[in-house]
C-alpha atoms as a PDB file:
ATOM      1  CA  UNK A   1     -15.755   2.582  -4.264  1.00  0.00           C
ATOM      2  CA  UNK A   2     -17.473   1.983  -0.969  1.00  0.00           C
ATOM      3  CA  UNK A   3     -17.002   4.171   2.089  1.00  0.00           C
ATOM      4  CA  UNK A   4     -15.212   1.478   4.107  1.00  0.00           C
ATOM      5  CA  UNK A   5     -12.512   1.211   1.462  1.00  0.00           C
ATOM      6  CA  UNK A   6     -12.012   4.987   1.433  1.00  0.00           C
ATOM      7  CA  UNK A   7     -11.621   5.030   5.208  1.00  0.00           C
ATOM      8  CA  UNK A   8      -9.175   2.118   5.044  1.00  0.00           C
ATOM      9  CA  UNK A   9      -7.102   3.901   2.388  1.00  0.00           C
ATOM     10  CA  UNK A  10      -6.906   7.017   4.557  1.00  0.00           C
ATOM     11  CA  UNK A  11      -5.870   4.862   7.511  1.00  0.00           C
ATOM     12  CA  UNK A  12      -3.312   3.073   5.327  1.00  0.00           C
ATOM     13  CA  UNK A  13      -1.673   6.409   4.601  1.00  0.00           C
ATOM     14  CA  UNK A  14      -1.717   7.675   8.186  1.00  0.00           C
ATOM     15  CA  UNK A  15      -1.422   4.458  10.246  1.00  0.00           C
ATOM     16  CA  UNK A  16      -0.562   1.502   8.003  1.00  0.00           C
ATOM     17  CA  UNK A  17      -0.568  -1.271  10.662  1.00  0.00           C
ATOM     18  CA  UNK A  18      -4.039  -0.246  11.870  1.00  0.00           C
ATOM     19  CA  UNK A  19      -5.417  -0.468   8.334  1.00  0.00           C
ATOM     20  CA  UNK A  20      -3.830  -3.901   7.899  1.00  0.00           C
ATOM     21  CA  UNK A  21      -5.365  -5.177  11.148  1.00  0.00           C
ATOM     22  CA  UNK A  22      -8.813  -3.881  10.202  1.00  0.00           C
ATOM     23  CA  UNK A  23      -8.605  -5.393   6.717  1.00  0.00           C
ATOM     24  CA  UNK A  24      -6.815  -8.702   7.307  1.00  0.00           C
ATOM     25  CA  UNK A  25      -6.640  -9.241  11.060  1.00  0.00           C
ATOM     26  CA  UNK A  26      -3.592 -10.284  13.024  1.00  0.00           C
ATOM     27  CA  UNK A  27      -1.334 -12.452  10.908  1.00  0.00           C
ATOM     28  CA  UNK A  28       1.579 -12.500   8.519  1.00  0.00           C
ATOM     29  CA  UNK A  29       0.565  -9.322   6.706  1.00  0.00           C
ATOM     30  CA  UNK A  30       0.541  -7.383   9.970  1.00  0.00           C
ATOM     31  CA  UNK A  31       4.026  -8.621  10.832  1.00  0.00           C
ATOM     32  CA  UNK A  32       5.309  -7.742   7.360  1.00  0.00           C
ATOM     33  CA  UNK A  33       3.753  -4.294   7.589  1.00  0.00           C
ATOM     34  CA  UNK A  34       5.227  -3.558  11.016  1.00  0.00           C
ATOM     35  CA  UNK A  35       8.700  -4.544   9.809  1.00  0.00           C
ATOM     36  CA  UNK A  36       8.312  -2.384   6.698  1.00  0.00           C
ATOM     37  CA  UNK A  37       7.142   0.569   8.794  1.00  0.00           C
ATOM     38  CA  UNK A  38      10.087   0.175  11.170  1.00  0.00           C
ATOM     39  CA  UNK A  39      12.605   0.049   8.310  1.00  0.00           C
ATOM     40  CA  UNK A  40      11.121   3.018   6.502  1.00  0.00           C
ATOM     41  CA  UNK A  41       7.587   4.382   6.616  1.00  0.00           C
ATOM     42  CA  UNK A  42       6.840   4.549   2.873  1.00  0.00           C
ATOM     43  CA  UNK A  43       7.118   0.795   2.134  1.00  0.00           C
ATOM     44  CA  UNK A  44       4.681   0.165   4.986  1.00  0.00           C
ATOM     45  CA  UNK A  45       2.224   2.612   3.452  1.00  0.00           C
ATOM     46  CA  UNK A  46       2.562   1.025   0.015  1.00  0.00           C
ATOM     47  CA  UNK A  47       2.034  -2.458   1.458  1.00  0.00           C
ATOM     48  CA  UNK A  48      -1.033  -1.338   3.416  1.00  0.00           C
ATOM     49  CA  UNK A  49      -2.585   0.400   0.400  1.00  0.00           C
ATOM     50  CA  UNK A  50      -1.912  -2.667  -1.750  1.00  0.00           C
ATOM     51  CA  UNK A  51      -3.538  -4.915   0.845  1.00  0.00           C
ATOM     52  CA  UNK A  52      -6.584  -2.656   1.251  1.00  0.00           C
ATOM     53  CA  UNK A  53      -7.219  -2.216  -2.471  1.00  0.00           C
ATOM     54  CA  UNK A  54      -6.739  -5.811  -3.608  1.00  0.00           C
ATOM     55  CA  UNK A  55      -9.949  -7.742  -4.047  1.00  0.00           C
END
């Protein structure tokens, strides 16, 4: 696992929208992640980790 991915996973746990922006840019995934974080924090974290770890 490369260092960038480790840093993104840590960011996904602490600040999910930031990790999504760094991985995928501004787009539909960022909007989905913000909504998930506003509803409840854990789904936003899961979504961000999924997005960071997928190939």
